[in-house]
Protein backbone atom coordinates (compact mmCIF):
# COMPACT_ATOMS: atom_id res chain seq x y z
CA MET A 1 5.93 15.64 -25.08
CA VAL A 2 9.08 15.54 -22.36
CA SER A 3 8.17 16.66 -18.74
CA VAL A 4 11.22 17.94 -16.69
CA ARG A 5 11.34 19.22 -13.29
CA ALA A 6 13.47 22.84 -12.65
CA ILE A 7 14.33 25.23 -9.86
CA TYR A 8 13.92 28.87 -10.21
CA HIS A 9 17.81 30.17 -9.13
CA GLU A 10 18.83 34.08 -9.02
CA GLY A 11 17.06 34.34 -12.56
CA GLN A 12 17.77 30.85 -14.36
CA LEU A 13 15.68 27.92 -14.47
CA ARG A 14 17.88 24.96 -13.21
CA LEU A 15 16.86 21.52 -14.81
CA LEU A 16 16.64 18.84 -12.10
CA ASP A 17 16.32 15.93 -13.94
CA PRO A 18 18.46 14.95 -17.15
CA ILE A 19 17.44 15.92 -20.55
CA ASN A 20 18.57 14.67 -24.32
CA LEU A 21 18.24 17.66 -26.71
CA ARG A 22 20.57 18.26 -29.76
CA GLU A 23 23.03 21.21 -29.40
CA GLY A 24 20.77 24.93 -30.21
CA GLN A 25 17.48 23.15 -30.42
CA GLU A 26 14.31 25.19 -29.94
CA VAL A 27 11.75 24.12 -26.80
CA HIS A 28 8.52 25.40 -25.85
CA ILE A 29 8.38 25.69 -22.12
CA GLN A 30 4.91 25.56 -20.00
CA ILE A 31 5.15 27.15 -15.92
CA VAL A 32 2.83 24.72 -13.86
CA GLU A 33 3.83 25.82 -10.53
CA GLU A 34 3.88 22.52 -8.18
CA THR A 35 0.46 23.17 -6.17
CA LEU A 36 -1.50 23.56 -9.12
CA ARG A 37 0.18 20.62 -10.96
CA LEU A 38 -0.39 18.46 -7.21
CA THR A 39 -4.19 19.65 -7.19
CA ASP A 40 -5.19 18.67 -11.08
CA VAL A 41 -3.32 15.25 -10.07
CA ILE A 42 -5.83 15.06 -6.90
CA SER A 43 -8.64 16.05 -8.94
CA ASP A 44 -7.86 13.38 -11.57
CA LEU A 45 -8.14 10.72 -8.87
CA LEU A 46 -11.49 12.33 -7.86
CA MET A 47 -13.16 12.47 -10.78
CA PRO A 48 -13.39 12.23 -13.98
CA ALA A 49 -11.85 15.14 -16.23
CA ASP A 50 -14.75 15.95 -18.48
CA GLU A 51 -17.28 16.56 -15.09
CA ARG A 52 -14.55 19.01 -13.34
CA PRO A 53 -14.95 22.90 -13.47
CA GLU A 54 -12.37 24.89 -15.09
CA SER A 55 -9.63 25.47 -13.32
CA THR A 56 -9.35 29.49 -11.90
CA GLY A 57 -5.52 28.75 -10.60
CA ALA A 58 -6.59 29.24 -7.02
CA TYR A 59 -5.66 26.37 -4.89
CA ASP A 60 -8.32 25.63 -2.27
CA GLU A 61 -6.46 23.20 0.19
CA ILE A 62 -9.75 22.81 2.58
CA GLY A 63 -11.55 21.40 -0.69
CA VAL A 64 -9.61 19.31 -2.02
CA GLN A 65 -8.79 18.02 1.68
CA THR A 66 -12.67 17.20 1.79
CA GLN A 67 -13.24 15.90 -1.49
CA LEU A 68 -9.89 13.20 -0.76
CA ASP A 69 -11.64 12.49 2.21
CA ALA A 70 -15.23 11.80 1.19
CA ALA A 71 -13.85 9.81 -2.15
CA LEU A 72 -11.55 7.77 0.35
CA ARG A 73 -13.74 7.03 3.44
CA ASP A 74 -15.31 3.72 2.44
CA LEU A 75 -11.95 2.12 0.97
CA LEU A 76 -9.93 -0.84 3.60
CA PRO A 77 -6.79 0.38 4.40
CA LEU A 78 -4.35 -1.00 2.48
CA SER A 79 -3.03 -3.70 4.96
CA GLU A 80 -6.75 -5.78 5.68
CA ILE A 81 -7.24 -5.61 1.43
CA ILE A 82 -3.40 -7.57 1.65
CA LEU A 83 -4.97 -9.31 3.78
CA GLU A 84 -8.17 -10.40 2.49
CA GLU A 85 -6.37 -11.08 -1.35
CA ARG A 86 -4.02 -13.42 0.65
CA HIS A 87 -6.75 -14.97 2.49
CA GLU A 88 -8.72 -15.91 -0.96
CA GLY A 89 -5.47 -17.05 -2.50
CA LYS A 90 -4.59 -13.98 -5.06
C-alpha cells in the first residue's frame, strides 16, 4: 500500500507526491482528512491501538492535547537527555 498526499482543487485531486503507476492502472483511493490522520498518529503515541476507542470522526483537540500533556509530563527535555547521554559516554 502506498500513501500519497493530495489537494482537492476545482473538483479534482492534485497529487503532491510522485507515484509509480502504469497508464490505465486501476487503484483504490481512501480519503482521510489531515486532522483525523494526525489525531490517529498522536493517539498511537499515547496508547496502544487495542486500547483505543472506536473513532467517531470527531476531532477533540482539547482532549488530545490533555492526553499528550499528561503523557509527556514526566519526560525530560531533549537537551537534558542529550547532556545525560554525553555524560554517561553513550
